[in-house]
């Protein structure tokens, strides 16, 4: 399965929030933010922090895509 965080980036745009603002608010390490930017796997704890800051569920920020 491939992961896409496109929903997260669109949500940040809609809320006029930068990636740096999200990183600071959620207490995410810079290297973890790099993983998100590259659509790489991060921990559920990290996704939970992001969801808590934004007030959404995991399905609102992550898509699992079938690999071809």
C-alpha atoms as a PDB file:
ATOM      1  CA  UNK A   1       0.000   0.000   0.000  1.00  0.00           C
ATOM      2  CA  UNK A   2       1.142   3.507  -0.792  1.00  0.00           C
ATOM      3  CA  UNK A   3       0.320   6.448   1.446  1.00  0.00           C
ATOM      4  CA  UNK A   4      -0.820   9.901   0.375  1.00  0.00           C
ATOM      5  CA  UNK A   5      -1.112  12.933   2.634  1.00  0.00           C
ATOM      6  CA  UNK A   6      -2.671  15.123  -0.072  1.00  0.00           C
ATOM      7  CA  UNK A   7      -5.819  15.493   2.036  1.00  0.00           C
ATOM      8  CA  UNK A   8      -3.695  16.931   4.847  1.00  0.00           C
ATOM      9  CA  UNK A   9      -2.047  19.511   2.591  1.00  0.00           C
ATOM     10  CA  UNK A  10      -5.406  20.573   1.144  1.00  0.00           C
ATOM     11  CA  UNK A  11      -6.828  20.906   4.652  1.00  0.00           C
ATOM     12  CA  UNK A  12      -3.928  23.138   5.675  1.00  0.00           C
ATOM     13  CA  UNK A  13      -4.513  25.351   2.638  1.00  0.00           C
ATOM     14  CA  UNK A  14      -8.227  25.607   3.452  1.00  0.00           C
ATOM     15  CA  UNK A  15      -7.371  26.641   7.025  1.00  0.00           C
ATOM     16  CA  UNK A  16      -4.628  29.023   5.890  1.00  0.00           C
ATOM     17  CA  UNK A  17      -2.129  27.131   8.035  1.00  0.00           C
ATOM     18  CA  UNK A  18       1.481  26.535   7.017  1.00  0.00           C
ATOM     19  CA  UNK A  19       3.301  23.240   7.414  1.00  0.00           C
ATOM     20  CA  UNK A  20       5.601  24.964   9.907  1.00  0.00           C
ATOM     21  CA  UNK A  21       2.590  26.100  11.955  1.00  0.00           C
ATOM     22  CA  UNK A  22       1.284  22.528  12.022  1.00  0.00           C
ATOM     23  CA  UNK A  23       4.678  21.157  12.995  1.00  0.00           C
ATOM     24  CA  UNK A  24       4.957  23.546  15.939  1.00  0.00           C
ATOM     25  CA  UNK A  25       1.352  23.100  17.101  1.00  0.00           C
ATOM     26  CA  UNK A  26       1.521  19.306  16.992  1.00  0.00           C
ATOM     27  CA  UNK A  27       5.067  19.048  18.359  1.00  0.00           C
ATOM     28  CA  UNK A  28       6.314  17.138  15.338  1.00  0.00           C
ATOM     29  CA  UNK A  29      10.055  16.770  14.700  1.00  0.00           C
ATOM     30  CA  UNK A  30      11.423  18.271  11.468  1.00  0.00           C
ATOM     31  CA  UNK A  31      12.508  14.844  10.179  1.00  0.00           C
ATOM     32  CA  UNK A  32       8.959  13.533  10.675  1.00  0.00           C
ATOM     33  CA  UNK A  33       7.612  16.473   8.688  1.00  0.00           C
ATOM     34  CA  UNK A  34      10.039  15.522   5.908  1.00  0.00           C
ATOM     35  CA  UNK A  35       8.584  11.999   5.899  1.00  0.00           C
ATOM     36  CA  UNK A  36       5.084  13.457   5.564  1.00  0.00           C
ATOM     37  CA  UNK A  37       6.233  15.633   2.648  1.00  0.00           C
ATOM     38  CA  UNK A  38       7.615  12.522   0.925  1.00  0.00           C
ATOM     39  CA  UNK A  39       4.440  10.464   1.532  1.00  0.00           C
ATOM     40  CA  UNK A  40       6.381   8.069   3.757  1.00  0.00           C
ATOM     41  CA  UNK A  41       5.055   6.148   6.758  1.00  0.00           C
ATOM     42  CA  UNK A  42       4.874   7.896  10.136  1.00  0.00           C
ATOM     43  CA  UNK A  43       3.638   6.602  13.481  1.00  0.00           C
ATOM     44  CA  UNK A  44       0.005   6.547  14.513  1.00  0.00           C
ATOM     45  CA  UNK A  45       1.041   8.729  17.426  1.00  0.00           C
ATOM     46  CA  UNK A  46       2.161  11.427  14.982  1.00  0.00           C
ATOM     47  CA  UNK A  47      -1.044  11.160  12.966  1.00  0.00           C
ATOM     48  CA  UNK A  48      -3.002  11.354  16.216  1.00  0.00           C
ATOM     49  CA  UNK A  49      -1.225  14.573  17.192  1.00  0.00           C
ATOM     50  CA  UNK A  50      -2.024  16.104  13.814  1.00  0.00           C
ATOM     51  CA  UNK A  51      -5.665  15.029  14.066  1.00  0.00           C
ATOM     52  CA  UNK A  52      -5.879  16.503  17.557  1.00  0.00           C
ATOM     53  CA  UNK A  53      -4.555  19.874  16.427  1.00  0.00           C
ATOM     54  CA  UNK A  54      -6.838  20.004  13.383  1.00  0.00           C
ATOM     55  CA  UNK A  55      -9.881  18.407  15.032  1.00  0.00           C
ATOM     56  CA  UNK A  56     -10.272  15.715  12.362  1.00  0.00           C
ATOM     57  CA  UNK A  57     -10.062  11.917  11.994  1.00  0.00           C
ATOM     58  CA  UNK A  58      -7.171  10.048  10.391  1.00  0.00           C
ATOM     59  CA  UNK A  59      -9.228   9.362   7.263  1.00  0.00           C
ATOM     60  CA  UNK A  60      -9.502  13.128   6.767  1.00  0.00           C
ATOM     61  CA  UNK A  61      -5.724  13.496   6.322  1.00  0.00           C
ATOM     62  CA  UNK A  62      -4.453  10.161   4.941  1.00  0.00           C
ATOM     63  CA  UNK A  63      -5.287   8.006   1.926  1.00  0.00           C
ATOM     64  CA  UNK A  64      -4.068   4.446   1.444  1.00  0.00           C
ATOM     65  CA  UNK A  65      -3.539   3.815  -2.256  1.00  0.00           C
ATOM     66  CA  UNK A  66      -3.296   0.360  -3.824  1.00  0.00           C
ATOM     67  CA  UNK A  67       0.050  -0.343  -5.445  1.00  0.00           C
ATOM     68  CA  UNK A  68      -0.051  -1.359  -9.059  1.00  0.00           C
END
